Amino acid sequence: MKFALLVNEGPFTHQASDSAYLFAKAAIEKGHEVPRVFFYYDGVNNANKLSEPQADDRNLVKLWGALAKDHEVDLVVCVAAGMRRGIKDDILAEGFRISGLGQLIEAGLGTDRLVMFGD
């Protein structure tokens, strides 16, 4: 089965980012495909390479980047939501790219399920 994910919450303020990452990782480990994750609203903060969690905390930005690299997952940050929150190309973490809502529509149409995390 192919899953596309929509992440609407940031990595340090809500469980949604953790849940989305763990869902994607588990789906891939079970043999499913996750061709695209779309980050919207505060979810765009998952792509901020300037975030530095404490040493004993998980680093979701790096975890998402590693997932993208290891499993060819397309991590797309909404351009409009990103600009509202200061997420631009120069602070985009490795593995992420900026694009428009058309990428979300395409992901929904090209997969079996679109799973949303966060409000």
Protein backbone atom coordinates (compact mmCIF):
# COMPACT_ATOMS: atom_id res chain seq x y z
CA MET A 1 0.00 0.00 0.00
CA LYS A 2 1.14 3.56 -0.70
CA PHE A 3 0.71 6.19 2.00
CA ALA A 4 1.11 9.95 1.70
CA LEU A 5 1.39 11.87 4.96
CA LEU A 6 0.28 15.37 5.89
CA VAL A 7 2.03 16.82 8.96
CA ASN A 8 0.37 19.95 10.40
CA GLU A 9 2.26 20.39 13.70
CA GLY A 10 5.80 21.31 14.68
CA PRO A 11 8.36 18.90 16.11
CA PHE A 12 8.51 20.28 19.66
CA THR A 13 4.98 21.44 20.43
CA HIS A 14 2.80 18.48 19.53
CA GLN A 15 2.91 14.68 19.33
CA ALA A 16 1.78 14.73 15.67
CA SER A 17 5.30 14.99 14.23
CA ASP A 18 6.56 12.07 16.28
CA SER A 19 3.50 10.02 15.35
CA ALA A 20 3.90 10.81 11.65
CA TYR A 21 7.58 9.89 11.67
CA LEU A 22 6.98 6.63 13.55
CA PHE A 23 4.06 5.79 11.23
CA ALA A 24 6.20 6.37 8.14
CA LYS A 25 9.08 4.34 9.53
CA ALA A 26 6.82 1.43 10.54
CA ALA A 27 4.98 1.45 7.20
CA ILE A 28 8.25 1.29 5.28
CA GLU A 29 9.56 -1.49 7.53
CA LYS A 30 6.38 -3.48 6.79
CA GLY A 31 6.97 -3.15 3.04
CA HIS A 32 4.60 -0.29 2.29
CA GLU A 33 5.59 2.82 0.36
CA VAL A 34 5.64 6.40 1.64
CA PRO A 35 6.50 8.40 -1.47
CA ARG A 36 5.76 11.85 -0.01
CA VAL A 37 5.31 13.67 3.29
CA PHE A 38 3.81 17.15 3.03
CA PHE A 39 4.46 19.64 5.85
CA TYR A 40 1.81 22.31 6.31
CA TYR A 41 0.88 24.95 8.94
CA ASP A 42 3.30 24.64 11.89
CA GLY A 43 4.48 21.32 10.45
CA VAL A 44 6.89 23.30 8.27
CA ASN A 45 9.05 23.74 11.39
CA ASN A 46 10.09 20.10 10.96
CA ALA A 47 12.32 21.35 8.13
CA ASN A 48 14.25 24.02 10.08
CA LYS A 49 17.93 23.06 10.15
CA LEU A 50 18.56 25.74 12.79
CA SER A 51 16.61 23.83 15.45
CA GLU A 52 18.88 22.26 18.07
CA PRO A 53 17.14 20.06 20.61
CA GLN A 54 18.92 19.08 23.80
CA ALA A 55 21.45 16.26 23.49
CA ASP A 56 19.17 13.82 25.31
CA ASP A 57 16.13 14.65 23.13
CA ARG A 58 15.23 13.21 19.73
CA ASN A 59 16.03 15.36 16.71
CA LEU A 60 13.05 14.98 14.40
CA VAL A 61 14.54 17.26 11.76
CA LYS A 62 17.50 14.91 11.34
CA LEU A 63 15.30 11.81 11.64
CA TRP A 64 13.07 13.02 8.79
CA GLY A 65 16.13 13.81 6.68
CA ALA A 66 17.60 10.35 7.25
CA LEU A 67 14.28 8.71 6.38
CA ALA A 68 14.16 10.70 3.13
CA LYS A 69 17.71 9.73 2.23
CA ASP A 70 17.45 6.05 3.16
CA HIS A 71 14.02 5.39 1.63
CA GLU A 72 13.63 8.04 -1.09
CA VAL A 73 10.78 9.82 0.70
CA ASP A 74 9.96 13.22 -0.81
CA LEU A 75 9.71 15.74 2.06
CA VAL A 76 7.78 18.76 0.82
CA VAL A 77 7.36 21.99 2.77
CA CYS A 78 4.43 24.24 1.82
CA VAL A 79 5.86 27.46 0.42
CA ALA A 80 3.13 29.74 1.81
CA ALA A 81 3.11 28.20 5.30
CA GLY A 82 6.91 28.21 5.30
CA MET A 83 7.20 31.86 4.36
CA ARG A 84 4.78 32.83 7.15
CA ARG A 85 7.08 31.07 9.61
CA GLY A 86 10.43 32.12 8.15
CA ILE A 87 11.23 28.76 6.58
CA LYS A 88 13.13 29.52 3.38
CA ASP A 89 15.69 27.67 1.28
CA ASP A 90 18.65 28.94 3.32
CA ILE A 91 17.44 27.29 6.56
CA LEU A 92 15.90 24.20 4.99
CA ALA A 93 17.29 20.98 6.45
CA GLU A 94 18.79 18.30 4.26
CA GLY A 95 16.21 16.13 2.53
CA PHE A 96 13.45 18.76 2.46
CA ARG A 97 12.27 20.91 -0.45
CA ILE A 98 9.82 23.78 -0.78
CA SER A 99 6.84 23.58 -3.11
CA GLY A 100 3.15 24.41 -3.33
CA LEU A 101 -0.12 22.76 -2.36
CA GLY A 102 -0.25 21.04 -5.74
CA GLN A 103 2.26 18.56 -4.33
CA LEU A 104 -0.22 17.64 -1.59
CA ILE A 105 -3.00 17.12 -4.14
CA GLU A 106 -0.70 15.02 -6.29
CA ALA A 107 0.31 12.93 -3.28
CA GLY A 108 -3.32 12.30 -2.37
CA LEU A 109 -4.22 11.26 -5.90
CA GLY A 110 -1.14 9.09 -6.38
CA THR A 111 -1.43 7.00 -3.21
CA ASP A 112 -3.91 4.64 -1.60
CA ARG A 113 -4.26 6.70 1.57
CA LEU A 114 -3.50 10.23 2.70
CA VAL A 115 -2.98 10.20 6.47
CA MET A 116 -3.13 13.50 8.38
CA PHE A 117 -1.25 14.16 11.62
CA GLY A 118 -2.29 17.16 13.71
CA ASP A 119 -5.22 19.54 13.46
